[in-house]
Protein backbone atom coordinates (compact mmCIF):
# COMPACT_ATOMS: atom_id res chain seq x y z
CA MET A 1 49.78 -49.90 58.34
CA ALA A 2 48.51 -53.16 56.83
CA PRO A 3 48.52 -53.46 53.03
CA THR A 4 44.76 -53.88 52.91
CA SER A 5 44.23 -50.72 54.98
CA ARG A 6 46.56 -48.75 52.71
CA VAL A 7 44.65 -49.94 49.63
CA GLY A 8 41.34 -48.98 51.21
CA LEU A 9 42.61 -45.52 52.06
CA MET A 10 43.84 -44.95 48.49
CA ALA A 11 40.53 -46.12 47.08
CA ALA A 12 38.63 -43.75 49.35
CA CYS A 13 40.88 -40.88 48.26
CA VAL A 14 40.33 -41.68 44.59
CA LEU A 15 36.57 -41.82 45.03
CA THR A 16 36.59 -38.51 46.90
CA CYS A 17 38.65 -36.84 44.19
CA ILE A 18 36.38 -38.22 41.46
CA SER A 19 33.30 -37.01 43.34
CA PHE A 20 34.81 -33.54 43.74
CA GLU A 21 35.72 -33.43 40.05
CA LEU A 22 32.21 -34.44 39.03
CA VAL A 23 30.64 -31.82 41.30
CA TRP A 24 33.02 -29.10 39.99
CA SER A 25 32.35 -30.10 36.36
CA ALA A 26 28.61 -30.11 36.93
CA GLY A 27 28.89 -26.64 38.46
CA GLN A 28 30.81 -25.37 35.43
CA VAL A 29 28.23 -26.83 33.04
CA LEU A 30 25.44 -25.29 35.11
CA VAL A 31 27.08 -21.85 35.02
CA ALA A 32 27.68 -22.09 31.25
CA SER A 33 24.15 -23.30 30.67
CA SER A 34 22.76 -20.51 32.84
CA ALA A 35 24.71 -17.93 30.82
CA GLN A 36 23.45 -19.35 27.56
CA ASP A 37 19.86 -19.46 28.79
CA ARG A 38 19.79 -15.74 29.57
CA PRO A 39 17.46 -13.90 27.19
CA GLN A 40 19.42 -11.90 24.62
CA PRO A 41 18.12 -8.66 23.13
CA ALA A 42 16.65 -8.92 19.65
CA PRO A 43 19.01 -7.98 16.78
CA ASP A 44 18.82 -4.48 15.32
CA LEU A 45 18.89 -3.24 11.75
CA TYR A 46 19.93 0.37 11.11
CA HIS A 47 19.57 2.49 8.00
CA TRP A 48 22.43 5.02 7.85
CA VAL A 49 22.64 8.04 5.55
CA LEU A 50 25.86 10.00 5.01
CA PRO A 51 26.08 12.97 2.61
CA VAL A 52 29.69 13.02 1.40
CA ASN A 53 30.12 16.65 2.51
CA GLU A 54 29.58 15.54 6.13
CA SER A 55 32.37 14.25 8.38
CA GLY A 56 30.59 11.07 9.46
CA VAL A 57 27.54 9.49 11.05
CA GLU A 58 27.10 7.75 14.41
CA VAL A 59 25.18 4.52 13.94
CA ALA A 60 24.90 2.63 17.23
CA THR A 61 26.53 1.69 20.53
CA LEU A 62 28.23 -1.69 20.68
CA HIS A 63 28.77 -3.65 23.89
CA PRO A 64 31.43 -6.34 24.41
CA ASN A 65 30.83 -9.36 22.13
CA ASP A 66 28.15 -7.56 20.11
CA CYS A 67 28.47 -8.56 16.48
CA TYR A 68 27.86 -6.24 13.51
CA VAL A 69 27.61 -6.63 9.75
CA VAL A 70 27.32 -4.00 7.00
CA GLN A 71 24.70 -5.81 4.96
CA GLN A 72 24.19 -3.28 2.19
CA ALA A 73 25.77 -0.03 1.01
CA GLN A 74 25.20 2.14 -2.04
CA GLY A 75 25.70 5.65 -3.34
CA ASN A 76 28.22 7.86 -5.17
CA GLY A 77 30.30 10.85 -4.20
CA TYR A 78 31.76 13.48 -6.51
CA PHE A 79 35.10 14.87 -5.36
CA GLY A 80 35.51 17.52 -8.02
CA LEU A 81 34.24 21.07 -8.41
CA PRO A 82 30.44 20.82 -8.07
CA THR A 83 28.06 22.25 -10.64
CA ALA A 84 25.39 24.75 -9.68
CA VAL A 85 22.76 22.00 -9.96
CA LEU A 86 24.75 19.70 -7.67
CA ARG A 87 25.06 22.48 -5.11
CA GLN A 88 21.31 22.97 -5.24
CA TYR A 89 20.51 19.31 -4.64
CA GLN A 90 23.21 18.94 -1.99
CA SER A 91 21.71 21.83 -0.02
CA GLN A 92 18.40 19.94 0.10
CA LEU A 93 19.99 16.99 1.89
CA SER A 94 19.59 16.89 5.65
CA ALA A 95 22.58 16.21 7.88
CA ALA A 96 23.89 12.67 8.29
CA PHE A 97 21.49 10.50 10.28
CA THR A 98 20.65 6.92 11.20
CA HIS A 99 17.52 5.16 12.42
CA SER A 100 16.35 1.63 13.09
CA VAL A 101 14.16 -0.17 10.55
CA ASP A 102 12.38 -3.51 10.29
CA ASP A 103 14.63 -6.34 9.16
CA ASP A 104 11.95 -8.40 7.44
CA SER A 105 12.02 -6.58 4.11
CA SER A 106 13.77 -8.12 1.14
CA PRO A 107 15.49 -6.46 -0.56
CA LEU A 108 16.46 -4.17 2.29
CA GLU A 109 14.80 -0.78 1.96
CA CYS A 110 13.49 2.07 4.06
CA THR A 111 9.84 2.82 3.34
CA GLU A 112 9.37 5.68 5.82
CA ARG A 113 8.11 8.97 4.44
CA SER A 114 11.42 10.73 5.09
CA CYS A 115 13.29 8.00 3.18
CA LEU A 116 10.93 8.23 0.22
CA ASP A 117 11.42 12.01 0.07
CA LEU A 118 15.18 11.50 0.30
CA ARG A 119 15.01 8.99 -2.54
CA GLN A 120 13.78 11.70 -4.91
CA ILE A 121 16.76 13.95 -4.10
CA ILE A 122 19.20 11.03 -4.43
CA ASP A 123 17.78 10.09 -7.83
CA ALA A 124 18.20 13.67 -9.02
CA LEU A 125 21.78 13.76 -7.66
CA GLU A 126 22.67 10.51 -9.39
CA LEU A 127 21.28 11.81 -12.67
CA GLU A 128 23.34 15.01 -12.42
CA LEU A 129 26.48 13.00 -11.59
CA GLU A 130 26.25 11.47 -15.05
CA SER A 131 27.18 14.87 -16.49
CA VAL A 132 30.40 15.39 -14.48
CA ASN A 133 33.88 13.94 -14.86
CA SER A 134 33.46 10.25 -13.99
CA ARG A 135 37.12 10.04 -12.95
CA GLN A 136 36.24 12.05 -9.86
CA VAL A 137 33.23 9.95 -8.86
CA ARG A 138 33.71 7.33 -6.13
CA ASN A 139 31.09 4.83 -5.00
CA VAL A 140 30.62 3.84 -1.36
CA ALA A 141 32.55 0.58 -1.83
CA HIS A 142 35.47 2.21 -3.65
CA ARG A 143 38.94 0.83 -2.94
CA PRO A 144 41.25 3.84 -2.49
CA SER A 145 44.62 3.68 -4.22
CA PRO A 146 47.68 5.90 -4.74
CA VAL A 147 46.28 6.80 -8.17
CA ASP A 148 43.44 8.80 -6.59
CA SER A 149 45.38 9.98 -3.51
CA PHE A 150 43.56 7.43 -1.35
CA PHE A 151 40.21 9.20 -1.19
CA GLY A 152 36.64 8.09 -1.83
CA GLY A 153 34.52 5.29 -0.43
CA ALA A 154 33.53 4.91 3.21
CA TYR A 155 34.81 3.12 6.32
CA THR A 156 33.53 2.12 9.75
CA ASP A 157 35.24 3.05 13.00
CA VAL A 158 34.79 1.48 16.44
CA GLY A 159 37.02 3.55 18.68
CA SER A 160 40.10 5.06 17.06
CA SER A 161 41.60 8.21 18.54
CA ASP A 162 40.99 10.15 15.32
CA ARG A 163 37.84 8.84 13.71
CA GLY A 164 37.67 11.32 10.86
CA ARG A 165 41.05 10.28 9.45
CA PHE A 166 41.51 6.83 7.90
CA ARG A 167 44.77 5.26 9.08
CA ASN A 168 43.99 1.62 8.27
CA ALA A 169 43.84 0.94 12.01
CA PRO A 170 42.44 -2.38 13.30
CA GLU A 171 39.30 -0.59 14.53
CA GLN A 172 38.76 0.96 11.09
CA ARG A 173 37.52 -1.06 8.16
CA MET A 174 36.57 -0.05 4.63
CA ILE A 175 33.01 -0.71 3.45
CA PHE A 176 34.22 -2.85 0.53
CA GLN A 177 35.79 -5.21 3.09
CA HIS A 178 32.52 -5.41 5.03
CA LEU A 179 30.50 -6.18 1.90
CA ALA A 180 32.93 -8.91 0.85
CA THR A 181 32.90 -10.62 4.23
CA ALA A 182 29.14 -10.22 4.68
CA ARG A 183 28.69 -12.57 1.73
CA ARG A 184 30.60 -15.14 3.78
CA ASP A 185 28.40 -14.52 6.85
CA ASN A 186 31.31 -12.93 8.70
CA CYS A 187 30.46 -10.84 11.75
CA TYR A 188 32.77 -8.38 13.52
CA GLU A 189 32.76 -8.51 17.32
CA ALA A 190 33.22 -5.59 19.67
CA LYS A 191 35.78 -6.03 22.45
CA LEU A 192 34.84 -2.95 24.48
CA PRO A 193 31.83 -0.63 24.69
CA ARG A 194 32.18 1.53 21.59
CA THR A 195 30.17 3.82 19.37
CA LEU A 196 30.21 2.58 15.77
CA THR A 197 30.55 5.39 13.23
CA ILE A 198 30.80 5.55 9.43
CA HIS A 199 32.95 8.10 7.59
CA VAL A 200 33.74 9.24 4.07
CA ARG A 201 37.30 8.30 3.17
CA GLY A 202 39.20 11.52 2.57
CA TYR A 203 40.87 14.41 4.35
CA GLY A 204 38.24 15.48 6.82
CA ARG A 205 35.06 17.36 6.06
CA GLN A 206 35.00 18.83 2.54
CA THR A 207 32.02 21.12 2.05
CA GLY A 208 32.55 21.13 -1.73
CA GLN A 209 31.97 17.38 -2.13
CA SER A 210 28.67 16.24 -3.65
CA GLY A 211 26.68 13.04 -3.37
CA ILE A 212 25.48 10.68 -0.67
CA TYR A 213 26.34 7.26 0.76
CA GLN A 214 23.85 5.07 2.62
CA GLY A 215 23.28 1.49 3.67
CA PHE A 216 22.04 -0.99 6.26
CA LEU A 217 23.93 -2.29 9.28
CA TYR A 218 22.87 -5.35 11.28
CA ILE A 219 23.79 -5.85 14.96
CA GLU A 220 23.45 -8.99 17.07
CA HIS A 221 23.49 -8.39 20.82
CA HIS A 222 25.44 -11.04 22.70
CA HIS A 223 24.76 -9.76 26.19
CA PRO A 224 21.78 -9.68 28.57
CA GLU A 225 19.42 -6.74 28.37
CA ILE A 226 21.23 -3.63 29.65
CA ALA A 227 19.36 -1.03 31.63
CA GLY A 228 20.23 2.51 30.59
CA GLN A 229 22.59 3.70 27.90
CA THR A 230 26.30 2.89 27.78
CA THR A 231 28.53 5.86 27.06
CA ALA A 232 30.90 5.27 24.17
CA ASP A 233 34.66 5.74 24.48
């Protein structure tokens, strides 16, 4: 083959390869752009309420890549022998529950009638807790330590085999950690479809415990709208 013909053939090959590469790259960009342009569901804000004598509360279902943040948490739990007044107020609390709320209120608060009624019981509980041994009172963002036998405070769970028992597993995270990272705009992503739950840190359900934990949890949905309900776990 003549040198000029060989050069022409190589040039044609190079041009063909470049054209193929450009077409492939354009296709990749188009696919990525198409994925980004899909409408995403609006974010959700949930108000969760967990009496400390309950085992836990189910907040929401997370899908892969969904991102959640515990934006606010408050409340105290008494882990000693309850007084007669504490028993009375605790009996007036409904079971653990969660519900969605508007996310345009600042500071975050639930203004529904049921929340306002609950507020009155919580205020009375908090007042009564001032009369008990403060060494046995733990707030929702308490950091458990060997000194208190690692109880008190609350944690989230996104799929452990034993949700009611805190084992410091990767899918379990204490509320104080969430609140610290929320101030840095950190968001935890789900890897698999999971139900997100919140639990009192302790040794399972203790009917003698008094008090209540509550807060707000924000979820960003990073997936297209999903028809139907995904079953957790």
